Every structure is written in structure tokens, then in C-alpha cells.
C-alpha atoms as a PDB file:
ATOM      1  CA  MET A   1      97.025 103.834  72.195  1.00  0.00           C
ATOM      2  CA  SER A   2      97.743 100.943  69.846  1.00  0.00           C
ATOM      3  CA  VAL A   3      96.370  97.432  70.335  1.00  0.00           C
ATOM      4  CA  ARG A   4      99.953  96.273  70.618  1.00  0.00           C
ATOM      5  CA  ASN A   5     100.864  98.587  73.496  1.00  0.00           C
ATOM      6  CA  SER A   6      97.766  98.261  75.664  1.00  0.00           C
ATOM      7  CA  LEU A   7      97.643  94.442  75.455  1.00  0.00           C
ATOM      8  CA  VAL A   8     101.152  94.183  76.898  1.00  0.00           C
ATOM      9  CA  LEU A   9      99.730  94.659  80.383  1.00  0.00           C
ATOM     10  CA  MET A  10      97.063  91.997  79.850  1.00  0.00           C
ATOM     11  CA  VAL A  11      99.559  89.470  78.509  1.00  0.00           C
ATOM     12  CA  ALA A  12     102.086  90.142  81.240  1.00  0.00           C
ATOM     13  CA  ALA A  13      99.509  89.586  83.941  1.00  0.00           C
ATOM     14  CA  SER A  14      98.072  86.385  82.483  1.00  0.00           C
ATOM     15  CA  LEU A  15     101.253  84.780  81.180  1.00  0.00           C
ATOM     16  CA  CYS A  16     103.611  85.526  84.071  1.00  0.00           C
ATOM     17  CA  ALA A  17     105.986  87.922  82.325  1.00  0.00           C
ATOM     18  CA  CYS A  18     106.399  85.727  79.290  1.00  0.00           C
ATOM     19  CA  GLY A  19     106.687  88.782  76.941  1.00  0.00           C
ATOM     20  CA  GLY A  20     104.126  89.829  74.352  1.00  0.00           C
ATOM     21  CA  SER A  21     102.576  92.775  72.657  1.00  0.00           C
ATOM     22  CA  GLY A  22      99.089  93.815  71.708  1.00  0.00           C
ATOM     23  CA  SER A  23      96.202  95.916  73.067  1.00  0.00           C
ATOM     24  CA  SER A  24      92.555  96.416  73.615  1.00  0.00           C
ATOM     25  CA  ALA A  25      90.651  98.789  71.396  1.00  0.00           C
ATOM     26  CA  PRO A  26      87.467 100.881  71.581  1.00  0.00           C
ATOM     27  CA  ALA A  27      84.060  99.359  70.975  1.00  0.00           C
ATOM     28  CA  PRO A  28      83.789  98.085  67.403  1.00  0.00           C
ATOM     29  CA  GLN A  29      82.593 100.751  64.976  1.00  0.00           C
ATOM     30  CA  GLU A  30      84.372 100.790  61.634  1.00  0.00           C
ATOM     31  CA  GLY A  31      85.003 103.791  59.457  1.00  0.00           C
ATOM     32  CA  GLY A  32      83.557 102.660  56.150  1.00  0.00           C
ATOM     33  CA  PRO A  33      86.046 100.442  54.247  1.00  0.00           C
ATOM     34  CA  LYS A  34      84.750  99.239  50.887  1.00  0.00           C
ATOM     35  CA  THR A  35      85.791  96.481  48.483  1.00  0.00           C
ATOM     36  CA  GLU A  36      85.742  96.404  44.710  1.00  0.00           C
ATOM     37  CA  ALA A  37      85.226  92.643  44.675  1.00  0.00           C
ATOM     38  CA  THR A  38      81.614  91.588  45.147  1.00  0.00           C
ATOM     39  CA  ALA A  39      81.185  89.489  48.275  1.00  0.00           C
ATOM     40  CA  LYS A  40      79.908  86.042  47.409  1.00  0.00           C
ATOM     41  CA  SER A  41      77.964  83.863  49.805  1.00  0.00           C
ATOM     42  CA  SER A  42      79.828  80.908  51.280  1.00  0.00           C
ATOM     43  CA  ALA A  43      77.700  78.641  49.061  1.00  0.00           C
ATOM     44  CA  GLU A  44      79.058  80.347  45.923  1.00  0.00           C
ATOM     45  CA  VAL A  45      82.779  80.579  46.683  1.00  0.00           C
ATOM     46  CA  GLU A  46      85.169  78.402  44.702  1.00  0.00           C
ATOM     47  CA  ARG A  47      87.204  75.780  46.532  1.00  0.00           C
ATOM     48  CA  ILE A  48      90.101  73.575  45.589  1.00  0.00           C
ATOM     49  CA  THR A  49      91.649  70.653  47.451  1.00  0.00           C
ATOM     50  CA  THR A  50      95.441  70.625  47.368  1.00  0.00           C
ATOM     51  CA  LYS A  51      97.715  67.631  46.786  1.00  0.00           C
ATOM     52  CA  THR A  52      98.249  67.405  50.530  1.00  0.00           C
ATOM     53  CA  GLY A  53      94.474  67.298  51.091  1.00  0.00           C
ATOM     54  CA  VAL A  54      93.917  70.825  52.384  1.00  0.00           C
ATOM     55  CA  ASP A  55      90.838  72.814  51.342  1.00  0.00           C
ATOM     56  CA  MET A  56      91.486  76.314  50.030  1.00  0.00           C
ATOM     57  CA  VAL A  57      89.240  79.145  48.824  1.00  0.00           C
ATOM     58  CA  ARG A  58      89.871  81.342  45.809  1.00  0.00           C
ATOM     59  CA  ILE A  59      89.992  84.959  47.038  1.00  0.00           C
ATOM     60  CA  PRO A  60      89.146  87.437  44.226  1.00  0.00           C
ATOM     61  CA  ALA A  61      91.307  90.439  43.398  1.00  0.00           C
ATOM     62  CA  GLY A  62      89.974  93.786  44.565  1.00  0.00           C
ATOM     63  CA  ALA A  63      90.506  96.876  46.677  1.00  0.00           C
ATOM     64  CA  PHE A  64      89.365  97.765  50.176  1.00  0.00           C
ATOM     65  CA  ARG A  65      89.772 100.372  52.888  1.00  0.00           C
ATOM     66  CA  MET A  66      92.230  98.918  55.398  1.00  0.00           C
ATOM     67  CA  GLY A  67      92.181  99.855  59.066  1.00  0.00           C
ATOM     68  CA  SER A  68      89.668 101.566  61.342  1.00  0.00           C
ATOM     69  CA  ASP A  69      89.030 105.143  62.408  1.00  0.00           C
ATOM     70  CA  ASN A  70      87.650 103.815  65.691  1.00  0.00           C
ATOM     71  CA  GLY A  71      90.327 101.310  66.662  1.00  0.00           C
ATOM     72  CA  GLY A  72      93.857 101.528  68.021  1.00  0.00           C
ATOM     73  CA  ASP A  73      96.365 104.129  66.847  1.00  0.00           C
ATOM     74  CA  ASP A  74      98.141 101.467  64.804  1.00  0.00           C
ATOM     75  CA  GLU A  75      94.953 100.891  62.760  1.00  0.00           C
ATOM     76  CA  GLN A  76      95.137 104.433  61.356  1.00  0.00           C
ATOM     77  CA  PRO A  77      95.003 106.116  58.991  1.00  0.00           C
ATOM     78  CA  VAL A  78      92.393 104.137  57.079  1.00  0.00           C
ATOM     79  CA  HIS A  79      93.762 103.772  53.555  1.00  0.00           C
ATOM     80  CA  GLU A  80      92.857 102.062  50.300  1.00  0.00           C
ATOM     81  CA  VAL A  81      94.772  98.908  49.422  1.00  0.00           C
ATOM     82  CA  LYS A  82      94.651  96.874  46.221  1.00  0.00           C
ATOM     83  CA  VAL A  83      95.085  93.111  46.569  1.00  0.00           C
ATOM     84  CA  GLY A  84      95.682  90.530  43.851  1.00  0.00           C
ATOM     85  CA  ALA A  85      93.858  87.188  43.695  1.00  0.00           C
ATOM     86  CA  PHE A  86      95.180  84.341  45.846  1.00  0.00           C
ATOM     87  CA  LEU A  87      94.199  81.061  47.484  1.00  0.00           C
ATOM     88  CA  MET A  88      93.685  80.827  51.256  1.00  0.00           C
ATOM     89  CA  ASP A  89      93.186  77.867  53.581  1.00  0.00           C
ATOM     90  CA  VAL A  90      89.535  77.441  54.509  1.00  0.00           C
ATOM     91  CA  TYR A  91      90.545  76.505  58.060  1.00  0.00           C
ATOM     92  CA  GLU A  92      93.353  77.323  60.450  1.00  0.00           C
ATOM     93  CA  VAL A  93      96.085  74.675  60.146  1.00  0.00           C
ATOM     94  CA  THR A  94      95.034  71.753  62.323  1.00  0.00           C
ATOM     95  CA  GLN A  95      97.204  69.700  64.622  1.00  0.00           C
ATOM     96  CA  LYS A  96      96.578  66.695  62.375  1.00  0.00           C
ATOM     97  CA  ASP A  97      97.852  68.460  59.250  1.00  0.00           C
ATOM     98  CA  PHE A  98     100.803  70.049  61.040  1.00  0.00           C
ATOM     99  CA  GLU A  99     101.987  66.769  62.556  1.00  0.00           C
ATOM    100  CA  ALA A 100     101.550  64.916  59.249  1.00  0.00           C
ATOM    101  CA  LEU A 101     104.128  67.209  57.606  1.00  0.00           C
ATOM    102  CA  MET A 102     106.385  68.188  60.497  1.00  0.00           C
ATOM    103  CA  GLY A 103     106.377  65.019  62.608  1.00  0.00           C
ATOM    104  CA  GLN A 104     105.495  66.807  65.842  1.00  0.00           C
ATOM    105  CA  ASN A 105     102.606  68.544  67.544  1.00  0.00           C
ATOM    106  CA  PRO A 106     103.548  71.509  69.774  1.00  0.00           C
ATOM    107  CA  ALA A 107      99.960  72.290  70.807  1.00  0.00           C
ATOM    108  CA  LYS A 108      98.913  72.547  74.434  1.00  0.00           C
ATOM    109  CA  PHE A 109      95.297  71.577  73.733  1.00  0.00           C
ATOM    110  CA  LYS A 110      95.930  68.229  72.075  1.00  0.00           C
ATOM    111  CA  ASP A 111      93.235  67.252  69.582  1.00  0.00           C
ATOM    112  CA  PRO A 112      93.799  66.522  65.871  1.00  0.00           C
ATOM    113  CA  THR A 113      90.777  68.632  64.874  1.00  0.00           C
ATOM    114  CA  HIS A 114      91.866  71.737  66.812  1.00  0.00           C
ATOM    115  CA  PRO A 115      94.159  74.385  65.330  1.00  0.00           C
ATOM    116  CA  VAL A 116      97.842  73.868  66.015  1.00  0.00           C
ATOM    117  CA  GLU A 117      99.087  76.443  68.511  1.00  0.00           C
ATOM    118  CA  GLN A 118     101.897  77.287  70.884  1.00  0.00           C
ATOM    119  CA  LEU A 119     104.257  77.791  67.974  1.00  0.00           C
ATOM    120  CA  GLY A 120     106.227  80.781  66.754  1.00  0.00           C
ATOM    121  CA  TRP A 121     106.465  82.512  63.409  1.00  0.00           C
ATOM    122  CA  PHE A 122     109.554  80.536  62.382  1.00  0.00           C
ATOM    123  CA  SER A 123     107.792  77.226  62.962  1.00  0.00           C
ATOM    124  CA  ALA A 124     104.895  78.468  60.832  1.00  0.00           C
ATOM    125  CA  ILE A 125     107.107  79.428  57.885  1.00  0.00           C
ATOM    126  CA  LYS A 126     108.980  76.109  58.102  1.00  0.00           C
ATOM    127  CA  TYR A 127     105.632  74.378  57.717  1.00  0.00           C
ATOM    128  CA  CYS A 128     104.857  76.595  54.701  1.00  0.00           C
ATOM    129  CA  ASN A 129     108.127  75.656  53.023  1.00  0.00           C
ATOM    130  CA  THR A 130     107.680  71.949  53.796  1.00  0.00           C
ATOM    131  CA  ARG A 131     104.150  71.975  52.392  1.00  0.00           C
ATOM    132  CA  SER A 132     105.432  73.717  49.262  1.00  0.00           C
ATOM    133  CA  MET A 133     108.149  71.135  48.674  1.00  0.00           C
ATOM    134  CA  ARG A 134     105.750  68.265  49.302  1.00  0.00           C
ATOM    135  CA  GLU A 135     103.617  69.567  46.419  1.00  0.00           C
ATOM    136  CA  GLY A 136     106.508  70.397  44.075  1.00  0.00           C
ATOM    137  CA  LEU A 137     106.138  74.166  44.516  1.00  0.00           C
ATOM    138  CA  THR A 138     108.832  76.775  45.077  1.00  0.00           C
ATOM    139  CA  PRO A 139     109.298  77.605  48.790  1.00  0.00           C
ATOM    140  CA  CYS A 140     108.639  81.259  49.565  1.00  0.00           C
ATOM    141  CA  TYR A 141     110.864  81.700  52.636  1.00  0.00           C
ATOM    142  CA  ASP A 142     114.624  81.933  53.005  1.00  0.00           C
ATOM    143  CA  LEU A 143     115.021  80.346  56.432  1.00  0.00           C
ATOM    144  CA  ASP A 144     118.414  82.014  56.956  1.00  0.00           C
ATOM    145  CA  THR A 145     117.250  85.596  56.373  1.00  0.00           C
ATOM    146  CA  ALA A 146     113.473  85.180  56.989  1.00  0.00           C
ATOM    147  CA  ALA A 147     112.840  87.007  53.705  1.00  0.00           C
ATOM    148  CA  CYS A 148     109.691  86.014  51.816  1.00  0.00           C
ATOM    149  CA  ASN A 149     109.612  85.806  48.021  1.00  0.00           C
ATOM    150  CA  LEU A 150     106.037  86.910  47.372  1.00  0.00           C
ATOM    151  CA  ALA A 151     106.386  85.993  43.687  1.00  0.00           C
ATOM    152  CA  ALA A 152     107.097  82.311  44.397  1.00  0.00           C
ATOM    153  CA  ASP A 153     104.266  79.834  43.822  1.00  0.00           C
ATOM    154  CA  GLY A 154     104.644  78.044  47.159  1.00  0.00           C
ATOM    155  CA  TYR A 155     102.770  78.386  50.425  1.00  0.00           C
ATOM    156  CA  ARG A 156     103.338  81.270  52.796  1.00  0.00           C
ATOM    157  CA  LEU A 157     101.653  83.210  55.544  1.00  0.00           C
ATOM    158  CA  PRO A 158      99.256  85.887  54.290  1.00  0.00           C
ATOM    159  CA  THR A 159     100.418  89.465  54.186  1.00  0.00           C
ATOM    160  CA  GLU A 160      98.650  91.648  56.701  1.00  0.00           C
ATOM    161  CA  ALA A 161      96.698  93.272  53.865  1.00  0.00           C
ATOM    162  CA  GLU A 162      95.649  89.911  52.405  1.00  0.00           C
ATOM    163  CA  TRP A 163      94.523  88.730  55.822  1.00  0.00           C
ATOM    164  CA  GLU A 164      92.291  91.731  56.526  1.00  0.00           C
ATOM    165  CA  TYR A 165      90.918  91.748  52.970  1.00  0.00           C
ATOM    166  CA  ALA A 166      89.998  88.057  53.234  1.00  0.00           C
ATOM    167  CA  CYS A 167      88.574  88.483  56.727  1.00  0.00           C
ATOM    168  CA  ARG A 168      86.347  91.379  55.683  1.00  0.00           C
ATOM    169  CA  ALA A 169      85.123  89.474  52.596  1.00  0.00           C
ATOM    170  CA  GLY A 170      83.539  92.614  51.169  1.00  0.00           C
ATOM    171  CA  SER A 171      82.316  93.981  54.488  1.00  0.00           C
ATOM    172  CA  ASP A 172      82.891  97.478  55.844  1.00  0.00           C
ATOM    173  CA  THR A 173      82.016  96.796  59.486  1.00  0.00           C
ATOM    174  CA  ALA A 174      83.824  95.963  62.716  1.00  0.00           C
ATOM    175  CA  TYR A 175      83.466  92.234  62.046  1.00  0.00           C
ATOM    176  CA  SER A 176      82.925  90.387  58.783  1.00  0.00           C
ATOM    177  CA  PHE A 177      79.236  89.997  59.697  1.00  0.00           C
ATOM    178  CA  GLY A 178      78.462  93.471  61.076  1.00  0.00           C
ATOM    179  CA  ASP A 179      79.101  95.744  64.055  1.00  0.00           C
ATOM    180  CA  GLU A 180      77.209  93.883  66.782  1.00  0.00           C
ATOM    181  CA  GLU A 181      79.391  92.134  69.362  1.00  0.00           C
ATOM    182  CA  ARG A 182      76.412  90.072  70.486  1.00  0.00           C
ATOM    183  CA  GLN A 183      76.522  88.201  67.149  1.00  0.00           C
ATOM    184  CA  LEU A 184      80.156  87.162  67.594  1.00  0.00           C
ATOM    185  CA  GLY A 185      79.273  84.002  69.509  1.00  0.00           C
ATOM    186  CA  SER A 186      77.889  82.318  66.384  1.00  0.00           C
ATOM    187  CA  ARG A 187      81.009  83.197  64.376  1.00  0.00           C
ATOM    188  CA  ALA A 188      83.927  82.865  66.781  1.00  0.00           C
ATOM    189  CA  TRP A 189      85.444  81.123  69.766  1.00  0.00           C
ATOM    190  CA  PHE A 190      86.565  83.869  72.143  1.00  0.00           C
ATOM    191  CA  ASP A 191      86.748  84.537  75.885  1.00  0.00           C
ATOM    192  CA  GLU A 192      82.985  84.437  76.430  1.00  0.00           C
ATOM    193  CA  ASN A 193      82.321  80.990  74.931  1.00  0.00           C
ATOM    194  CA  ALA A 194      85.581  79.077  74.392  1.00  0.00           C
ATOM    195  CA  GLU A 195      85.836  77.717  77.958  1.00  0.00           C
ATOM    196  CA  ALA A 196      89.564  78.477  78.167  1.00  0.00           C
ATOM    197  CA  SER A 197      90.600  76.289  75.223  1.00  0.00           C
ATOM    198  CA  THR A 198      90.825  76.097  71.468  1.00  0.00           C
ATOM    199  CA  LYS A 199      87.982  74.332  69.662  1.00  0.00           C
ATOM    200  CA  PRO A 200      87.711  72.164  66.517  1.00  0.00           C
ATOM    201  CA  VAL A 201      88.098  74.246  63.367  1.00  0.00           C
ATOM    202  CA  GLY A 202      85.083  74.953  61.178  1.00  0.00           C
ATOM    203  CA  GLN A 203      82.391  74.758  63.863  1.00  0.00           C
ATOM    204  CA  LYS A 204      81.197  78.352  63.613  1.00  0.00           C
ATOM    205  CA  THR A 205      79.534  80.217  60.723  1.00  0.00           C
ATOM    206  CA  PRO A 206      82.083  81.143  58.015  1.00  0.00           C
ATOM    207  CA  ASN A 207      82.421  84.607  56.516  1.00  0.00           C
ATOM    208  CA  ALA A 208      80.994  85.512  53.115  1.00  0.00           C
ATOM    209  CA  TRP A 209      83.979  83.968  51.319  1.00  0.00           C
ATOM    210  CA  GLY A 210      83.711  80.635  53.119  1.00  0.00           C
ATOM    211  CA  LEU A 211      86.598  81.136  55.564  1.00  0.00           C
ATOM    212  CA  TYR A 212      86.160  79.743  59.069  1.00  0.00           C
ATOM    213  CA  ASP A 213      87.552  81.086  62.346  1.00  0.00           C
ATOM    214  CA  MET A 214      88.877  84.348  60.937  1.00  0.00           C
ATOM    215  CA  HIS A 215      87.586  85.777  64.214  1.00  0.00           C
ATOM    216  CA  GLY A 216      88.843  83.973  67.325  1.00  0.00           C
ATOM    217  CA  ASN A 217      90.042  80.424  68.110  1.00  0.00           C
ATOM    218  CA  VAL A 218      93.740  81.298  67.584  1.00  0.00           C
ATOM    219  CA  TRP A 219      95.594  84.463  66.588  1.00  0.00           C
ATOM    220  CA  GLU A 220      97.041  83.979  63.090  1.00  0.00           C
ATOM    221  CA  TRP A 221     100.611  84.817  62.090  1.00  0.00           C
ATOM    222  CA  CYS A 222     101.165  87.032  59.034  1.00  0.00           C
ATOM    223  CA  THR A 223     104.312  87.517  56.959  1.00  0.00           C
ATOM    224  CA  ASP A 224     104.721  91.217  57.826  1.00  0.00           C
ATOM    225  CA  VAL A 225     107.104  92.751  60.306  1.00  0.00           C
ATOM    226  CA  TYR A 226     105.022  94.781  62.760  1.00  0.00           C
ATOM    227  CA  SER A 227     105.291  98.561  62.732  1.00  0.00           C
ATOM    228  CA  GLU A 228     102.903 100.720  64.735  1.00  0.00           C
ATOM    229  CA  ASN A 229     103.149 103.417  62.058  1.00  0.00           C
ATOM    230  CA  ALA A 230     102.974 101.116  59.041  1.00  0.00           C
ATOM    231  CA  TYR A 231      99.746 102.625  57.711  1.00  0.00           C
ATOM    232  CA  GLU A 232     101.299 106.084  57.501  1.00  0.00           C
ATOM    233  CA  THR A 233     103.721 104.918  54.806  1.00  0.00           C
ATOM    234  CA  THR A 234     101.814 102.093  53.073  1.00  0.00           C
ATOM    235  CA  SER A 235     101.668 102.532  49.310  1.00  0.00           C
ATOM    236  CA  GLY A 236     101.241 100.491  46.144  1.00  0.00           C
ATOM    237  CA  PRO A 237      99.341  97.261  45.529  1.00  0.00           C
ATOM    238  CA  ASP A 238      99.867  94.144  47.675  1.00  0.00           C
ATOM    239  CA  PRO A 239     101.882  95.858  50.430  1.00  0.00           C
ATOM    240  CA  CYS A 240     104.045  93.801  52.766  1.00  0.00           C
ATOM    241  CA  ASN A 241     106.425  95.243  55.345  1.00  0.00           C
ATOM    242  CA  GLN A 242     109.452  92.970  55.607  1.00  0.00           C
ATOM    243  CA  THR A 243     111.992  95.452  56.947  1.00  0.00           C
ATOM    244  CA  GLU A 244     110.899  98.237  59.296  1.00  0.00           C
ATOM    245  CA  GLY A 245     109.641  97.463  62.794  1.00  0.00           C
ATOM    246  CA  GLU A 246     109.881  94.690  65.344  1.00  0.00           C
ATOM    247  CA  GLY A 247     108.094  91.414  65.903  1.00  0.00           C
ATOM    248  CA  ARG A 248     105.673  89.835  63.444  1.00  0.00           C
ATOM    249  CA  VAL A 249     102.017  90.614  62.916  1.00  0.00           C
ATOM    250  CA  LEU A 250      99.227  88.474  64.365  1.00  0.00           C
ATOM    251  CA  ARG A 251      95.553  88.901  63.427  1.00  0.00           C
ATOM    252  CA  GLY A 252      92.052  87.770  64.331  1.00  0.00           C
ATOM    253  CA  GLY A 253      92.037  87.270  68.089  1.00  0.00           C
ATOM    254  CA  GLY A 254      92.000  83.966  69.941  1.00  0.00           C
ATOM    255  CA  TRP A 255      90.054  81.815  72.369  1.00  0.00           C
ATOM    256  CA  ASP A 256      91.131  83.994  75.306  1.00  0.00           C
ATOM    257  CA  SER A 257      90.510  87.350  73.587  1.00  0.00           C
ATOM    258  CA  PRO A 258      87.695  89.790  74.368  1.00  0.00           C
ATOM    259  CA  ALA A 259      85.346  90.614  71.518  1.00  0.00           C
ATOM    260  CA  GLU A 260      87.021  93.925  70.592  1.00  0.00           C
ATOM    261  CA  LEU A 261      90.300  92.128  69.854  1.00  0.00           C
ATOM    262  CA  CYS A 262      88.561  89.848  67.348  1.00  0.00           C
ATOM    263  CA  ARG A 263      87.645  92.749  65.037  1.00  0.00           C
ATOM    264  CA  SER A 264      88.722  92.605  61.387  1.00  0.00           C
ATOM    265  CA  ALA A 265      91.107  95.563  61.790  1.00  0.00           C
ATOM    266  CA  THR A 266      92.755  94.619  65.110  1.00  0.00           C
ATOM    267  CA  ARG A 267      96.557  94.381  64.948  1.00  0.00           C
ATOM    268  CA  TYR A 268      98.836  92.560  67.381  1.00  0.00           C
ATOM    269  CA  SER A 269     102.465  91.436  67.326  1.00  0.00           C
ATOM    270  CA  GLU A 270     104.966  89.088  68.918  1.00  0.00           C
ATOM    271  CA  GLU A 271     108.629  88.240  68.588  1.00  0.00           C
ATOM    272  CA  PRO A 272     108.834  85.587  65.859  1.00  0.00           C
ATOM    273  CA  GLY A 273     110.523  82.858  67.897  1.00  0.00           C
ATOM    274  CA  LEU A 274     109.206  83.585  71.370  1.00  0.00           C
ATOM    275  CA  ALA A 275     106.217  81.264  71.279  1.00  0.00           C
ATOM    276  CA  ASP A 276     108.520  78.321  70.568  1.00  0.00           C
ATOM    277  CA  VAL A 277     110.383  78.692  73.855  1.00  0.00           C
ATOM    278  CA  CYS A 278     108.066  80.514  76.233  1.00  0.00           C
ATOM    279  CA  PHE A 279     105.303  78.653  78.040  1.00  0.00           C
ATOM    280  CA  GLY A 280     101.829  80.041  77.618  1.00  0.00           C
ATOM    281  CA  TYR A 281     101.448  81.179  74.007  1.00  0.00           C
ATOM    282  CA  GLU A 282      98.722  78.697  73.247  1.00  0.00           C
ATOM    283  CA  GLU A 283      96.772  81.325  71.294  1.00  0.00           C
ATOM    284  CA  TYR A 284      99.132  81.531  68.281  1.00  0.00           C
ATOM    285  CA  GLY A 285      98.362  79.586  65.099  1.00  0.00           C
ATOM    286  CA  PHE A 286      98.151  80.275  61.370  1.00  0.00           C
ATOM    287  CA  ARG A 287      96.726  79.457  57.957  1.00  0.00           C
ATOM    288  CA  CYS A 288      98.442  79.483  54.562  1.00  0.00           C
ATOM    289  CA  VAL A 289      97.964  81.280  51.266  1.00  0.00           C
ATOM    290  CA  ARG A 290      99.528  80.901  47.837  1.00  0.00           C
ATOM    291  CA  ARG A 291      99.279  82.081  44.264  1.00  0.00           C
ATOM    292  CA  GLU A 292      96.941  80.135  42.056  1.00  0.00           C
ATOM    293  CA  LYS A 293      98.324  78.034  39.210  1.00  0.00           C
ATOM    294  CA  ALA A 294      96.586  78.728  35.918  1.00  0.00           C
ATOM    295  CA  THR A 295      96.016  75.016  35.228  1.00  0.00           C
ATOM    296  CA  GLU A 296      94.389  74.252  38.563  1.00  0.00           C
ATOM    297  CA  ALA A 297      90.994  72.608  38.498  1.00  0.00           C
ATOM    298  CA  VAL A 298      88.233  73.959  40.675  1.00  0.00           C
ATOM    299  CA  ALA A 299      86.092  71.833  42.945  1.00  0.00           C
ATOM    300  CA  GLN A 300      82.918  73.725  43.744  1.00  0.00           C
END
């Protein structure tokens, strides 16, 4: 059973029939994904600070084995994916940064240092476009059709492949740090330690590429349309499904998720606008990525 299908029952029970999709998965044991890029320590990764004051990490190009042989049906088959270099936000978008650009804060757990949540996919891509225009970059999203121009130099949500590649950071295990659930508490806010709320970003240990909260705190929207069978037809470098399926992909698990849903390979989905109108989706947030400009200076 896929993560998406089995989590429907959990969401329905806890959110009073407010519609969702996802699922629990078997105990975390990954099937051996590998990366071509050498994993750097968080002390060695290269950072930049954008014009709008957001810290980003340079993610190296490489290849990895996407999915898990021991997860949900929608995580199979495990397959090799090549990913080009890109920049990714070090932290999930905070309420402070979201409100500064969009003039509002939809979060339930109000705190400027916490990730923004309780927002849908469309609100996330509007933020991406606004951030792009604020920095003189080309917006990636057509807000009328929801199509994403992956070649544009503006901000966007990561593709599902980019997200998992960045989360793994060269690892081949259930989590970016290994297979042991007992170690998750030092890396993530999830149902065992979050005390029923989001937490300030950047408080836990980052992964090997210096990215915080890739496991837990809030589920993160991706650009892709969700398809349970996507991995059966994935081909070519930098894949992104923008046509076949329903809902949009979410990754990483959230503050209310059990440990198995915070695995690197776990897939989940939701209707793109539902979180904007339905009470209770205070687990949905995001972070941005973009192409790197050749002239950009690096701040180590």
C-alpha cells in the first residue's frame, strides 16, 4: 500500500474529514541508493545570502537511487536519477519571511521564527513568484495554468527528485543520517518530541549538505503532480511530473508525523488549494530552490 493511501485514514480521523492523502510505511530500511556527488560536511557546504536576505546552499550536480525497496508501493521501483546543480533554502520558509513578502501570515502556530504553515500549493508558488520579482528574476510559475518553467532563473518549489536528492545529501539510508529511528530526535521535530506544534527552524542538526528540518517540522510542497505509479515511467535527467496524476507532492514529514513518515523516500500528496480553505492543515509548508547565476558570489 502506498504512503498516500494508508495515511488517508489517519488524516480523516485527526482532521475531521478535512480531506487528505498519504500513508504509513514499513520500518525504515532503505535499498541502497547511491550518489555520484561526494557528501560534504555541513561545515564545508557553500552558502549564499540572497537579495531578500534568505540563506541558500549550493547543491552539487550528481546522480542517486531514488525511492525505497522497503517503503510504500509508490516509492518503487528504486531507480537512478540524475540531478543538475541548484540552490536550496537552508531553512523552511519562516512566517517572518513569508509575511514580509506577502503581507499576511496564515500560520496557526504564530511565531516569526517558525515555518509558515496552513497554506496550500498555490500560496507557495505565489510566494515563489513574488520573491523572484523582488530580486529581478524571471518567475517560474504561470499562475493561470500552474505550469512551471524549470528553465527560468526565478524561485520555485523543488521537484520531487531534487527534494529527495538534497534530503539524502549523499546518503543511502532511511534517513539522511542513517537507519536508526532512535536518532531522529536530534535531527527532526516529529510526533514524539514536537509537543503538538511547529518549532523554530534550524534548531536540530542539519544534514550533510547543511539543510535543516528536511525531516519533520512541516511537510514541504514540491512542484510535481502526484502519481502513485510515477516511478514506473520516470526517465531522463531532472524529472518532474507536471501532467499525470492528482494532487501535489509533499515530502519530509511534519511535527505530527510518526518517524516512518519522516524518511527520505516517503511520498505524500494533497490537493493544491485545499490547505488554504480547510481548517487543520497546519503541517504544510515549503522551501524554495532556484538555478544559480554564474556571477553570484559565494559566502562561505
